[in-house]
Protein backbone atom coordinates (compact mmCIF):
# COMPACT_ATOMS: atom_id res chain seq x y z
CA MET A 1 42.06 9.12 25.34
CA THR A 2 44.97 8.36 23.06
CA LEU A 3 47.31 5.59 24.26
CA PRO A 4 51.08 6.13 24.09
CA ALA A 5 52.72 4.42 21.14
CA ASN A 6 54.33 1.74 23.32
CA ALA A 7 51.30 1.04 25.57
CA ALA A 8 49.55 -2.35 25.50
CA ALA A 9 45.74 -2.37 25.43
CA ASP A 10 43.81 -5.10 27.25
CA ARG A 11 41.44 -7.00 24.99
CA THR A 12 38.72 -9.59 25.55
CA PHE A 13 38.90 -13.12 24.14
CA GLN A 14 36.58 -13.68 21.21
CA VAL A 15 34.72 -16.91 21.94
CA ASP A 16 32.98 -18.96 19.25
CA LEU A 17 30.20 -20.45 21.36
CA ARG A 18 29.24 -23.02 18.74
CA GLY A 19 32.84 -24.21 18.50
CA LEU A 20 33.30 -24.23 22.28
CA VAL A 21 30.12 -26.24 22.81
CA ASP A 22 31.26 -28.71 20.16
CA LEU A 23 34.73 -28.98 21.73
CA LEU A 24 33.46 -29.62 25.24
CA SER A 25 30.51 -31.83 24.42
CA HIS A 26 32.22 -33.98 21.77
CA HIS A 27 35.81 -34.14 22.96
CA LEU A 28 35.73 -33.94 26.75
CA TYR A 29 33.76 -37.16 27.16
CA SER A 30 34.62 -40.67 25.97
CA SER A 31 31.12 -41.70 24.89
CA PRO A 32 27.69 -40.12 24.29
CA ARG A 33 26.27 -42.34 27.04
CA VAL A 34 27.68 -40.01 29.72
CA TYR A 35 24.90 -37.49 29.04
CA LEU A 36 22.61 -39.46 31.37
CA ARG A 37 25.25 -39.67 34.07
CA GLU A 38 25.72 -35.89 33.94
CA LEU A 39 21.98 -35.27 34.21
CA MET A 40 21.64 -37.70 37.13
CA GLN A 41 24.71 -36.16 38.77
CA ASN A 42 23.26 -32.66 38.54
CA ALA A 43 20.02 -34.01 40.04
CA VAL A 44 21.89 -35.65 42.93
CA ASP A 45 23.78 -32.43 43.65
CA ALA A 46 20.52 -30.49 43.59
CA LEU A 47 19.05 -32.94 46.13
CA THR A 48 22.15 -32.55 48.31
CA ALA A 49 21.69 -28.78 48.29
CA ARG A 50 17.97 -29.22 49.11
CA HIS A 51 18.84 -31.34 52.14
CA THR A 52 21.25 -28.60 53.23
CA LEU A 53 18.34 -26.16 53.22
CA GLU A 54 15.93 -28.62 54.85
CA PRO A 55 18.06 -30.90 57.06
CA ASP A 56 15.01 -32.20 58.94
CA ALA A 57 13.35 -33.60 55.82
CA PRO A 58 12.82 -37.38 56.15
CA ALA A 59 15.09 -39.74 54.20
CA GLY A 60 13.60 -40.53 50.80
CA ALA A 61 11.37 -37.46 50.77
CA PHE A 62 13.20 -36.14 47.72
CA GLY A 63 14.09 -38.24 44.70
CA ILE A 64 14.89 -38.47 41.00
CA ARG A 65 12.52 -39.61 38.26
CA LEU A 66 13.65 -40.65 34.78
CA TYR A 67 11.40 -40.93 31.76
CA ALA A 68 12.15 -42.16 28.23
CA ASP A 69 9.63 -43.27 25.61
CA GLY A 70 11.74 -43.08 22.47
CA SER A 71 10.74 -39.53 21.58
CA VAL A 72 12.02 -37.67 24.66
CA VAL A 73 14.33 -38.24 27.61
CA ARG A 74 13.39 -36.46 30.82
CA VAL A 75 15.16 -36.22 34.18
CA GLU A 76 13.23 -34.66 37.05
CA ASP A 77 14.42 -34.02 40.60
CA ASP A 78 13.08 -32.55 43.83
CA GLY A 79 16.26 -30.61 44.38
CA VAL A 80 17.04 -27.04 45.32
CA GLY A 81 16.05 -25.61 41.91
CA LEU A 82 17.04 -22.34 40.24
CA THR A 83 15.76 -18.77 40.22
CA GLU A 84 15.76 -16.66 37.05
CA ALA A 85 18.99 -15.01 38.19
CA ASP A 86 20.52 -18.45 38.81
CA VAL A 87 19.56 -19.54 35.32
CA HIS A 88 21.34 -16.56 33.74
CA THR A 89 24.35 -17.03 36.00
CA PHE A 90 24.83 -20.79 35.94
CA LEU A 91 23.16 -22.25 32.86
CA ALA A 92 24.27 -19.55 30.44
CA THR A 93 27.87 -19.25 31.61
CA ILE A 94 30.15 -22.12 30.64
CA GLY A 95 32.38 -23.14 33.54
CA ARG A 96 30.21 -21.51 36.22
CA SER A 97 28.74 -24.00 38.67
CA SER A 98 25.89 -23.43 41.11
CA LYS A 99 27.97 -25.41 43.61
CA ARG A 100 30.27 -22.39 43.83
CA ALA A 101 27.60 -19.97 44.86
CA GLU A 102 27.18 -18.20 48.17
CA LYS A 103 26.71 -20.48 51.17
CA ILE A 104 26.73 -23.60 49.02
CA ALA A 105 30.40 -22.99 48.26
CA GLU A 106 31.22 -23.92 51.82
CA GLN A 107 29.80 -27.40 51.27
CA ARG A 108 31.29 -28.05 47.83
CA ALA A 109 32.84 -31.27 49.06
CA ASP A 110 29.29 -32.65 49.37
CA PHE A 111 28.75 -32.41 45.62
CA ILE A 112 29.86 -34.75 42.84
CA GLY A 113 30.22 -32.19 40.05
CA GLN A 114 32.11 -28.95 40.55
CA PHE A 115 32.98 -27.71 37.07
CA GLY A 116 29.71 -26.32 35.66
CA ILE A 117 30.07 -27.94 32.22
CA GLY A 118 28.22 -31.25 32.66
CA LEU A 119 25.02 -30.01 31.03
CA LEU A 120 26.93 -29.58 27.76
CA SER A 121 27.18 -33.37 27.46
CA CYS A 122 23.49 -33.33 26.51
CA PHE A 123 24.52 -31.88 23.14
CA LEU A 124 26.02 -35.27 22.40
CA VAL A 125 22.50 -36.61 21.83
CA ALA A 126 20.28 -33.53 21.33
CA ASP A 127 20.42 -30.13 19.65
CA GLU A 128 18.41 -28.41 22.37
CA ILE A 129 18.22 -28.65 26.16
CA HIS A 130 14.94 -27.68 27.80
CA VAL A 131 15.06 -26.88 31.51
CA VAL A 132 12.16 -25.94 33.79
CA SER A 133 13.14 -25.15 37.39
CA ARG A 134 11.68 -23.69 40.54
CA SER A 135 13.85 -22.58 43.45
CA ALA A 136 13.40 -23.91 46.98
CA ARG A 137 15.50 -21.07 48.39
CA THR A 138 12.98 -18.34 47.54
CA PRO A 139 9.41 -18.70 48.87
CA ASP A 140 6.75 -18.34 46.16
CA ALA A 141 9.45 -18.30 43.50
CA PRO A 142 8.08 -18.59 39.95
CA ALA A 143 9.08 -21.37 37.63
CA VAL A 144 11.75 -20.51 35.06
CA GLU A 145 12.16 -22.01 31.61
CA TRP A 146 15.56 -22.10 29.89
CA ARG A 147 16.23 -23.39 26.39
CA GLY A 148 19.83 -23.83 25.36
CA ARG A 149 20.86 -24.65 21.80
CA GLY A 150 23.97 -26.19 20.35
CA ASP A 151 24.81 -23.04 18.41
CA GLY A 152 25.46 -21.24 21.71
CA SER A 153 22.19 -19.32 21.90
CA TYR A 154 19.61 -19.58 24.67
CA SER A 155 16.33 -18.09 25.80
CA VAL A 156 14.80 -17.59 29.27
CA ARG A 157 11.23 -16.89 30.32
CA THR A 158 9.26 -16.91 33.57
CA LEU A 159 6.37 -19.33 33.89
CA PRO A 160 3.40 -19.28 36.29
CA ALA A 161 4.07 -21.01 39.60
CA SER A 162 1.31 -23.47 38.72
CA SER A 163 3.38 -24.84 35.85
CA ARG A 164 5.64 -26.46 38.45
CA PRO A 165 3.90 -26.72 41.84
CA ARG A 166 6.94 -28.00 43.75
CA PRO A 167 10.59 -26.90 43.85
CA GLY A 168 13.00 -28.85 41.69
CA THR A 169 14.23 -29.12 38.11
CA THR A 170 13.13 -30.98 35.00
CA VAL A 171 15.52 -31.40 32.06
CA THR A 172 14.00 -32.60 28.78
CA LEU A 173 15.87 -33.67 25.66
CA THR A 174 14.49 -34.40 22.21
CA PRO A 175 17.07 -36.81 20.81
CA ARG A 176 18.56 -36.45 17.36
CA ALA A 177 18.05 -39.36 14.97
CA ASP A 178 21.74 -40.33 15.14
CA ALA A 179 21.52 -40.67 18.95
CA ALA A 180 18.73 -43.26 18.99
CA GLU A 181 20.98 -46.04 20.33
CA TRP A 182 21.61 -44.00 23.50
CA THR A 183 18.07 -42.72 24.08
CA ARG A 184 15.87 -45.79 23.58
CA PRO A 185 13.89 -46.60 26.76
CA ALA A 186 15.71 -49.89 27.42
CA GLN A 187 19.08 -48.21 26.96
CA VAL A 188 18.20 -45.29 29.23
CA HIS A 189 17.08 -47.74 31.93
CA SER A 190 20.30 -49.76 31.50
CA LEU A 191 22.49 -46.65 31.69
CA ALA A 192 20.62 -45.43 34.76
CA ARG A 193 21.31 -48.73 36.56
CA HIS A 194 24.90 -48.74 35.34
CA PHE A 195 25.71 -45.27 36.66
CA GLY A 196 23.29 -44.98 39.56
CA SER A 197 22.89 -48.40 41.18
CA LEU A 198 24.65 -47.20 44.37
CA LEU A 199 23.06 -43.74 44.66
CA ARG A 200 21.70 -42.90 48.11
CA HIS A 201 18.62 -41.02 46.79
CA PRO A 202 15.66 -42.97 45.35
CA VAL A 203 15.75 -43.11 41.54
CA THR A 204 12.86 -44.46 39.43
CA PHE A 205 12.46 -45.05 35.70
CA ASP A 206 9.30 -44.87 33.56
CA ASP A 207 9.26 -46.06 29.93
CA GLY A 208 5.95 -44.39 29.10
CA THR A 209 3.96 -47.61 28.69
CA GLY A 210 1.61 -46.72 31.53
CA GLY A 211 3.07 -49.00 34.18
CA ALA A 212 4.47 -47.89 37.50
CA GLY A 213 8.01 -46.61 37.53
CA VAL A 214 10.64 -49.17 38.46
CA ALA A 215 13.37 -48.55 41.01
CA VAL A 216 16.84 -48.05 39.53
CA ASN A 217 18.60 -48.53 42.87
CA PRO A 218 16.23 -50.65 44.98
CA GLU A 219 18.89 -51.80 47.44
CA PRO A 220 21.79 -50.01 49.14
CA ALA A 221 25.36 -50.96 48.43
CA PRO A 222 26.04 -54.55 49.58
CA TRP A 223 28.57 -53.41 52.18
CA ALA A 224 25.92 -51.07 53.66
CA GLN A 225 23.47 -53.93 54.22
CA SER A 226 23.07 -56.02 57.39
CA HIS A 227 23.65 -59.78 57.32
CA PRO A 228 22.85 -62.39 59.98
CA THR A 229 26.37 -63.86 60.16
CA PRO A 230 29.90 -62.99 58.99
CA GLY A 231 29.73 -65.94 56.60
CA ALA A 232 26.51 -64.67 55.06
CA ARG A 233 28.10 -61.24 54.65
CA ALA A 234 31.17 -62.74 52.97
CA ARG A 235 28.99 -64.73 50.57
CA ALA A 236 26.90 -61.68 49.71
CA LEU A 237 29.99 -59.57 48.98
CA ALA A 238 31.50 -62.36 46.86
CA ALA A 239 28.25 -62.70 44.91
CA TYR A 240 28.24 -58.94 44.24
CA GLY A 241 31.86 -59.09 43.07
CA GLU A 242 31.00 -61.96 40.72
CA GLU A 243 28.03 -59.99 39.35
CA VAL A 244 30.13 -56.89 38.74
CA PHE A 245 33.32 -58.45 37.37
CA GLY A 246 32.15 -61.74 35.89
CA PHE A 247 34.43 -64.09 37.84
CA LYS A 248 34.11 -65.94 41.12
CA PRO A 249 36.62 -64.32 43.51
CA LEU A 250 39.24 -66.46 45.19
CA ASP A 251 38.43 -64.33 48.22
CA THR A 252 36.80 -60.96 48.94
CA ILE A 253 38.53 -58.27 50.98
CA GLU A 254 36.26 -55.68 52.57
CA LEU A 255 37.58 -52.12 52.33
CA ASP A 256 36.63 -49.38 54.80
CA LEU A 257 38.50 -46.07 55.09
CA SER A 258 36.34 -43.91 57.33
CA ALA A 259 38.68 -40.91 57.08
CA VAL A 260 37.75 -40.38 53.43
CA GLY A 261 34.35 -42.08 53.51
CA LEU A 262 35.46 -44.96 51.31
CA LYS A 263 33.83 -48.38 51.41
CA GLY A 264 33.89 -51.29 49.02
CA ILE A 265 35.48 -54.64 48.23
CA ALA A 266 38.59 -56.00 46.56
CA CYS A 267 38.02 -59.27 44.69
CA VAL A 268 41.06 -61.55 44.46
CA LEU A 269 41.39 -62.91 40.93
CA PRO A 270 41.24 -66.71 40.81
CA GLU A 271 43.82 -66.99 38.02
CA ALA A 272 47.23 -65.52 37.34
CA VAL A 273 47.55 -62.40 35.21
CA PRO A 274 50.60 -61.25 33.25
CA ALA A 275 53.06 -59.26 35.32
CA GLY A 276 52.41 -55.55 35.16
CA ARG A 277 48.94 -55.81 33.64
CA ARG A 278 46.82 -53.43 35.67
CA HIS A 279 43.10 -54.06 35.78
CA GLY A 280 40.74 -51.13 35.98
CA HIS A 281 38.70 -50.70 39.14
CA ARG A 282 35.12 -49.48 39.50
CA VAL A 283 35.07 -46.24 41.45
CA HIS A 284 31.87 -44.55 42.58
CA VAL A 285 31.93 -41.06 44.07
CA LYS A 286 29.03 -40.45 46.47
CA GLY A 287 27.22 -43.36 44.84
CA MET A 288 27.62 -42.25 41.21
CA LEU A 289 29.81 -44.46 39.01
CA LEU A 290 32.85 -42.43 38.04
CA SER A 291 35.02 -44.94 36.19
CA GLU A 292 35.31 -48.64 35.43
CA GLN A 293 39.01 -48.30 34.57
CA ALA A 294 40.46 -46.37 37.51
CA GLU A 295 43.96 -47.88 37.68
CA GLU A 296 45.28 -45.17 39.99
CA ILE A 297 43.30 -46.31 43.04
CA LEU A 298 45.81 -49.10 43.83
CA PRO A 299 49.61 -49.45 43.50
CA GLU A 300 51.06 -51.25 40.47
CA TRP A 301 51.94 -54.43 42.39
CA ALA A 302 48.30 -55.06 43.34
CA PHE A 303 47.32 -56.46 39.94
CA PHE A 304 45.90 -59.60 41.59
CA VAL A 305 42.68 -57.83 42.70
CA ARG A 306 39.87 -55.82 41.17
CA CYS A 307 38.07 -53.32 43.35
CA VAL A 308 34.69 -51.68 43.46
CA VAL A 309 34.56 -48.77 45.90
CA ASP A 310 32.36 -45.83 46.77
CA ALA A 311 34.13 -42.78 48.18
CA GLU A 312 33.13 -39.40 49.56
CA SER A 313 36.35 -37.40 49.37
CA LEU A 314 37.99 -38.38 46.08
CA ARG A 315 37.99 -35.67 43.43
CA PRO A 316 36.94 -36.42 39.85
CA THR A 317 38.58 -34.74 36.87
CA ALA A 318 36.61 -32.33 34.67
CA SER A 319 35.23 -35.18 32.52
CA ARG A 320 34.32 -37.13 35.68
CA GLU A 321 35.75 -40.27 34.11
CA SER A 322 38.93 -40.55 36.20
CA LEU A 323 40.34 -39.42 39.53
CA TYR A 324 42.30 -36.25 40.18
CA GLU A 325 45.80 -37.09 41.37
CA ASP A 326 46.28 -35.28 44.68
CA ASP A 327 47.43 -35.97 48.25
CA THR A 328 44.07 -37.51 49.16
CA LEU A 329 44.26 -40.04 46.34
CA ALA A 330 47.87 -40.86 47.28
CA ALA A 331 46.84 -41.44 50.91
CA VAL A 332 43.92 -43.64 49.81
CA ARG A 333 46.22 -45.68 47.57
CA ASP A 334 48.63 -46.26 50.47
CA ALA A 335 45.82 -47.17 52.86
CA LEU A 336 44.27 -49.66 50.43
CA ALA A 337 47.69 -51.20 49.84
CA GLU A 338 47.98 -51.70 53.59
CA ARG A 339 44.60 -53.47 53.61
CA LEU A 340 45.87 -55.90 50.96
CA ARG A 341 49.04 -56.56 52.97
CA ALA A 342 46.92 -57.21 56.06
CA TRP A 343 44.81 -59.72 54.12
CA ILE A 344 47.93 -61.58 52.99
CA ALA A 345 49.19 -61.62 56.59
CA ARG A 346 45.89 -63.02 57.87
CA ALA A 347 45.90 -65.74 55.21
CA ALA A 348 49.48 -66.67 56.10
CA ALA A 349 48.64 -66.84 59.81
CA SER A 350 45.26 -68.56 59.79
CA ASP A 351 44.33 -70.03 56.40
CA PRO A 352 47.21 -71.95 54.78
CA ASP A 353 44.88 -73.51 52.20
CA LEU A 354 43.74 -70.09 50.96
CA LEU A 355 47.34 -68.85 51.05
CA GLY A 356 48.48 -71.82 48.97
CA ARG A 357 45.82 -71.25 46.31
CA PHE A 358 46.61 -67.54 46.27
CA LEU A 359 50.36 -68.05 45.87
CA GLN A 360 49.85 -70.69 43.21
CA ALA A 361 48.02 -68.13 41.09
CA HIS A 362 49.73 -64.88 42.09
CA HIS A 363 53.24 -65.67 43.30
CA LEU A 364 54.74 -63.16 40.87
CA ALA A 365 52.66 -60.33 42.33
CA VAL A 366 53.69 -61.32 45.85
CA LYS A 367 57.33 -61.53 44.79
CA SER A 368 57.19 -58.00 43.41
CA LEU A 369 55.71 -56.84 46.71
CA ALA A 370 58.18 -58.80 48.86
CA VAL A 371 61.16 -57.16 47.15
CA HIS A 372 60.11 -53.81 48.63
CA ASP A 373 58.14 -54.85 51.70
CA ASP A 374 60.13 -56.36 54.56
CA GLU A 375 57.03 -57.53 56.43
CA ILE A 376 55.69 -59.49 53.46
CA LEU A 377 59.20 -60.82 52.83
CA ARG A 378 59.45 -62.23 56.37
CA MET A 379 55.98 -63.75 56.23
CA LEU A 380 55.92 -65.25 52.76
CA LEU A 381 59.41 -65.74 51.34
CA PRO A 382 59.70 -69.34 52.63
CA TRP A 383 56.32 -70.11 51.02
CA LEU A 384 57.01 -68.70 47.56
CA PRO A 385 57.64 -71.20 44.73
CA PHE A 386 60.88 -71.15 42.76
CA GLU A 387 62.42 -73.27 40.00
CA THR A 388 65.23 -75.30 41.56
CA THR A 389 67.36 -78.36 40.92
CA ASP A 390 64.84 -80.23 43.09
CA GLY A 391 61.97 -79.13 40.82
CA HIS A 392 59.43 -76.40 41.51
CA CYS A 393 59.20 -76.02 45.27
CA THR A 394 59.16 -73.42 48.02
CA LEU A 395 62.34 -72.08 49.54
CA ASP A 396 61.26 -73.58 52.85
CA GLU A 397 61.15 -77.06 51.30
CA PHE A 398 64.40 -76.47 49.42
CA ALA A 399 66.27 -75.28 52.52
CA ARG A 400 65.48 -78.52 54.37
CA THR A 401 67.95 -80.39 52.18
CA HIS A 402 70.35 -77.62 51.14
CA ARG A 403 72.04 -75.47 53.76
CA THR A 404 73.98 -73.69 51.00
CA VAL A 405 71.76 -72.31 48.26
CA LEU A 406 73.32 -71.33 44.96
CA VAL A 407 71.49 -69.04 42.57
CA THR A 408 72.05 -68.38 38.87
CA SER A 409 71.74 -64.93 37.36
CA THR A 410 69.98 -66.04 34.15
CA VAL A 411 67.51 -68.68 33.07
CA GLU A 412 69.89 -70.02 30.43
CA GLU A 413 72.63 -70.57 32.99
CA PHE A 414 70.23 -72.56 35.17
CA ARG A 415 69.04 -74.70 32.25
CA GLN A 416 72.64 -75.28 31.27
CA ILE A 417 73.77 -76.77 34.57
CA ALA A 418 70.59 -77.94 36.33
CA ALA A 419 70.85 -81.68 35.61
CA ILE A 420 74.57 -81.86 36.36
CA ALA A 421 74.33 -79.72 39.50
CA SER A 422 71.50 -81.91 40.78
CA ALA A 423 73.53 -85.07 40.17
CA ALA A 424 76.46 -83.48 42.01
CA GLY A 425 74.23 -82.76 45.02
CA LEU A 426 74.28 -78.98 44.60
CA GLY A 427 71.18 -76.95 45.48
CA VAL A 428 70.68 -74.35 42.75
CA VAL A 429 67.78 -71.91 42.29
CA ASN A 430 66.94 -70.33 38.96
CA GLY A 431 67.43 -66.62 39.62
CA GLY A 432 66.81 -65.54 36.05
CA TYR A 433 63.14 -64.69 36.48
CA THR A 434 61.92 -61.28 37.59
CA TYR A 435 62.60 -60.66 41.32
CA ASP A 436 63.83 -64.23 42.00
CA ARG A 437 67.57 -63.60 42.37
CA ASP A 438 67.05 -60.64 44.71
CA LEU A 439 64.59 -62.60 46.84
CA VAL A 440 66.77 -65.72 47.16
CA HIS A 441 69.67 -63.57 48.32
CA ARG A 442 67.43 -62.28 51.12
CA LEU A 443 66.61 -65.77 52.37
CA PRO A 444 69.17 -65.55 55.25
CA GLU A 445 67.09 -62.67 56.68
CA VAL A 446 64.29 -65.19 57.24
CA ARG A 447 66.38 -68.36 57.72
CA PRO A 448 69.73 -67.26 59.24
CA GLU A 449 71.11 -70.82 59.14
CA ILE A 450 71.01 -70.76 55.30
CA SER A 451 73.79 -69.26 53.21
CA VAL A 452 73.23 -68.00 49.67
CA ALA A 453 75.80 -67.41 46.94
CA ASP A 454 75.81 -66.79 43.21
CA LEU A 455 76.72 -69.82 41.15
CA ASP A 456 79.76 -69.33 38.95
CA PRO A 457 81.39 -71.84 36.57
CA ALA A 458 84.27 -72.46 38.95
CA THR A 459 81.89 -73.60 41.69
CA LEU A 460 80.32 -76.25 39.49
CA THR A 461 83.62 -77.30 37.92
CA ALA A 462 85.02 -77.95 41.40
CA HIS A 463 82.28 -80.53 41.93
CA LEU A 464 83.12 -82.48 38.76
CA ASP A 465 85.44 -85.42 39.28
CA PRO A 466 88.81 -85.38 37.46
CA VAL A 467 89.84 -88.40 35.40
CA ASP A 468 92.87 -90.47 36.35
CA ARG A 469 96.26 -89.56 34.93
CA GLU A 470 96.41 -92.53 32.56
CA THR A 471 93.08 -91.60 30.95
CA GLU A 472 94.15 -87.96 30.71
CA LEU A 473 97.35 -88.88 28.88
CA ALA A 474 95.52 -91.21 26.51
CA ALA A 475 93.11 -88.41 25.59
CA ALA A 476 95.77 -85.69 25.25
CA ALA A 477 96.02 -85.86 21.45
CA TYR A 478 92.26 -85.60 20.97
CA LEU A 479 91.96 -82.77 23.50
CA ALA A 480 94.68 -80.84 21.68
CA GLN A 481 92.82 -81.22 18.36
CA ALA A 482 89.59 -80.14 20.03
CA ARG A 483 91.18 -77.04 21.61
CA ASP A 484 92.67 -76.04 18.29
CA ALA A 485 89.33 -76.48 16.50
CA LEU A 486 87.42 -74.42 19.07
CA ALA A 487 90.01 -71.70 19.69
CA VAL A 488 88.15 -69.42 17.27
CA PHE A 489 85.25 -69.40 19.79
CA ASP A 490 87.52 -68.69 22.79
CA VAL A 491 86.67 -72.11 24.18
CA ASP A 492 88.94 -74.35 26.25
CA VAL A 493 88.35 -78.11 26.45
CA ALA A 494 88.67 -80.31 29.54
CA LEU A 495 87.86 -83.92 30.42
CA ARG A 496 85.95 -84.80 33.59
CA THR A 497 83.51 -87.39 34.89
CA PHE A 498 80.05 -86.36 36.03
CA GLN A 499 76.47 -87.50 36.19
CA PRO A 500 74.27 -88.00 34.34
CA ALA A 501 76.35 -90.19 32.06
CA SER A 502 73.89 -89.49 29.22
CA ALA A 503 75.23 -85.92 28.99
CA PRO A 504 78.24 -85.98 26.62
CA ALA A 505 79.43 -82.44 27.29
CA LEU A 506 78.81 -79.35 29.37
CA LEU A 507 79.47 -75.83 28.16
CA MET A 508 80.48 -73.63 31.07
CA ASP A 509 80.07 -70.01 30.16
CA SER A 510 78.49 -66.85 31.52
CA ARG A 511 76.79 -63.85 30.00
CA GLU A 512 79.44 -61.52 31.44
CA ALA A 513 82.22 -63.61 29.91
CA ARG A 514 80.54 -63.56 26.51
CA HIS A 515 80.10 -59.78 26.70
CA GLU A 516 83.77 -59.35 27.59
CA ARG A 517 84.90 -61.55 24.68
CA THR A 518 82.62 -59.63 22.30
CA ARG A 519 84.12 -56.35 23.51
CA SER A 520 87.64 -57.70 23.10
CA GLN A 521 86.84 -58.81 19.58
CA LEU A 522 85.49 -55.35 18.71
CA ALA A 523 88.62 -53.77 20.14
CA ARG A 524 90.77 -55.98 17.90
CA GLU A 525 88.67 -55.14 14.85
CA GLN A 526 88.79 -51.40 15.61
CA GLU A 527 92.47 -51.37 16.53
CA GLY A 528 94.11 -48.11 15.62
CA GLY A 529 90.92 -46.04 15.59
CA ILE A 530 89.31 -43.95 18.30
CA TRP A 531 86.81 -46.73 19.14
CA GLY A 532 89.68 -49.18 19.37
CA ASP A 533 91.37 -46.93 21.96
CA ILE A 534 88.15 -46.63 23.97
CA LEU A 535 87.39 -50.34 23.90
CA GLY A 536 91.02 -51.19 24.56
CA ALA A 537 90.96 -49.05 27.69
CA LEU A 538 87.94 -51.02 28.91
CA ARG A 539 89.38 -54.40 27.92
CA GLN A 540 90.04 -56.98 30.58
CA GLU A 541 91.45 -60.44 30.31
CA ALA A 542 88.40 -62.15 28.80
CA PRO A 543 87.56 -65.41 30.60
CA ARG A 544 87.26 -68.32 28.20
CA ALA A 545 84.30 -70.64 28.02
CA GLN A 546 84.93 -74.28 28.92
CA LEU A 547 83.67 -77.31 27.03
CA ILE A 548 83.83 -80.10 29.61
CA LEU A 549 83.64 -83.55 28.06
CA ASN A 550 82.08 -86.33 30.14
CA GLN A 551 84.37 -89.36 30.19
CA LEU A 552 81.45 -91.46 31.47
CA ASN A 553 79.55 -90.94 28.22
CA PRO A 554 80.03 -93.74 25.63
CA LEU A 555 80.06 -91.32 22.69
CA VAL A 556 82.82 -89.25 24.28
CA ARG A 557 84.89 -92.34 25.08
CA THR A 558 84.65 -93.33 21.41
CA ALA A 559 85.59 -89.82 20.25
CA LEU A 560 88.70 -89.81 22.47
CA THR A 561 90.09 -92.73 20.46
CA ILE A 562 89.82 -90.99 17.07
CA ASP A 563 93.27 -90.70 15.49
CA GLU A 564 92.17 -89.06 12.23
CA PRO A 565 92.81 -85.30 12.71
CA GLU A 566 89.95 -83.96 10.56
CA LEU A 567 87.43 -86.35 12.06
CA ALA A 568 88.64 -85.45 15.57
CA ARG A 569 88.15 -81.75 14.86
CA THR A 570 84.70 -82.37 13.37
CA SER A 571 83.57 -84.47 16.34
CA ALA A 572 84.79 -81.78 18.76
CA GLU A 573 82.85 -79.12 16.83
CA ALA A 574 79.74 -81.31 16.91
CA LEU A 575 80.05 -81.82 20.68
CA TYR A 576 80.48 -78.09 21.16
CA GLY A 577 77.46 -77.31 18.96
CA GLN A 578 75.25 -79.73 20.88
CA ALA A 579 76.39 -78.30 24.24
CA ALA A 580 75.74 -74.75 22.98
CA MET A 581 72.20 -75.67 21.93
CA LEU A 582 71.51 -77.40 25.25
CA SER A 583 72.58 -74.23 27.08
CA ARG A 584 69.62 -72.49 25.40
CA ARG A 585 71.51 -69.28 24.95
CA PRO A 586 71.33 -67.33 21.66
CA LEU A 587 73.70 -68.79 19.08
CA ARG A 588 76.07 -66.60 17.15
CA PRO A 589 75.98 -66.94 13.33
CA ALA A 590 79.39 -68.67 13.37
CA GLU A 591 78.09 -71.21 15.88
CA SER A 592 75.00 -71.96 13.80
CA SER A 593 77.22 -72.44 10.76
CA LEU A 594 79.51 -74.74 12.75
CA ILE A 595 76.58 -76.94 13.87
CA ASN A 596 75.38 -77.37 10.27
CA ARG A 597 78.86 -78.00 8.92
CA SER A 598 79.85 -80.54 11.56
CA PHE A 599 76.61 -82.48 11.08
CA LEU A 600 77.11 -82.66 7.32
CA ASP A 601 80.81 -83.64 7.69
CA LEU A 602 79.95 -86.43 10.12
CA LEU A 603 77.19 -87.65 7.79
CA ALA A 604 79.57 -87.65 4.84
CA HIS A 605 82.17 -89.55 6.86
CA ALA A 606 79.58 -92.17 7.86
CA LEU A 607 78.47 -92.61 4.24
CA ARG A 608 82.04 -93.01 3.00
CA LYS A 609 82.71 -95.58 5.70
CA ASP A 610 79.63 -97.62 4.77
CA SER A 611 80.59 -97.60 1.08
């Protein structure tokens, strides 16, 4: 039949099997070591299917046997096995999984692997995969041999039933020379324990030296074991956490979500970690280790714990090295977060010593949680440590002596006024750290008798004592010289008395005021252009910074008596430079230049005077 000129003909993709095998086996997985996990996983799934066919079989009747002697690696199971038709359908078709077949498809949730590509990982360490299998579904089924090669070719032949007396599957690999590090007997045993220590089916390993096979998973998961007392159980779980993660947990939180078949522990880190650093968690799916770096199992704020869990209903991705993000994973994440909140609540209610050690190490994590969690806020806000004018203390301690709590918006503002505010009897909290300002403002929700307000320069200035009129008049000439010298920095100069007397000057300024002055300066520089019009429209009356001189300071009292104009200006610039440095805010280039110039001018004046 001739197609019309404008008709489109359907065509079949041309697949380069060698290239596809290379792509999947070398680029889907993160390391060659996963070949053993994939073989063990296929064996576990085959055992699961066998138990579906024979539900009355006693526990432990079917198992997995590993063998490695340096020349071959062999994985044998007593699972459901394959017929010759199964071999053609499932082993020779990439992406087709026996877990999708017939009645087994209804129980796919019982299997770990569901993608039908795991066997390809064997090409990471071998050029050929040798499979001998006998089906348990078909009575008197013959054994079937399949050989798959890395170039995409394969061969199948039927063997006598005597070649494999019992149902099951044996996979044999002859390692390549460049894969020796992953196929040595000691390494195979180590990998088997690493991936399969929590498997529910018995797994043994034989190194070919003639001894009896050793158990890979001799004991069930620690949370599945019985213990004589709750204390003994807690110690056993903590010891397991220390073995897995390498640190002694501050405490161990047992996790149990029966709805998704998840069990495990969360180990509280004994030391603080940088904010936002998320530790990976060990996630097993039906006993098989899926990932050691599964960040997605917990919310971001829970970086103070590391978890090891075993779950039934979580879905792995195609590489089986991370979790598939779906509604189930989201629900698990929320449920585990609730378990962590409940642990914090229990510690707050019944174990203040544990709570104190926890908050000392992880107060930042709790602060990040309290910002968004009203329950945690009510329980723990009074116990959280903050930097204040009374030192580092909790808000509960701070509120005992300060019914009005003032909070700065930046760290530099707090450092600038802390000593003077403390001497004036003001209670100020450093709100410049992450979460702190928001949390302090919510203190009245927990302690209604406390009022909270932002600290502004006017509030502090109002608590500084004015000098008497006679002193003000005597200092007028010097203050005028100082204002003239510092006008270029938009700085006013005032004279007050305040403690401590060792502080010669205080620079009262705010980040917002500096931004406004910078914008005003840009508007002046751009006057007449389009940017000048835009900035001019935004311009407000820029508040000036204030250099407040302390009349109680001996150096300032001496400076006020200077009658030499140039020396008066230089001393005012030096006082301003010192106050700017003490404020710990970034210095502008002109300010850095002023500090250097004033120091050199004062040094030159002192040398001239001595000569």
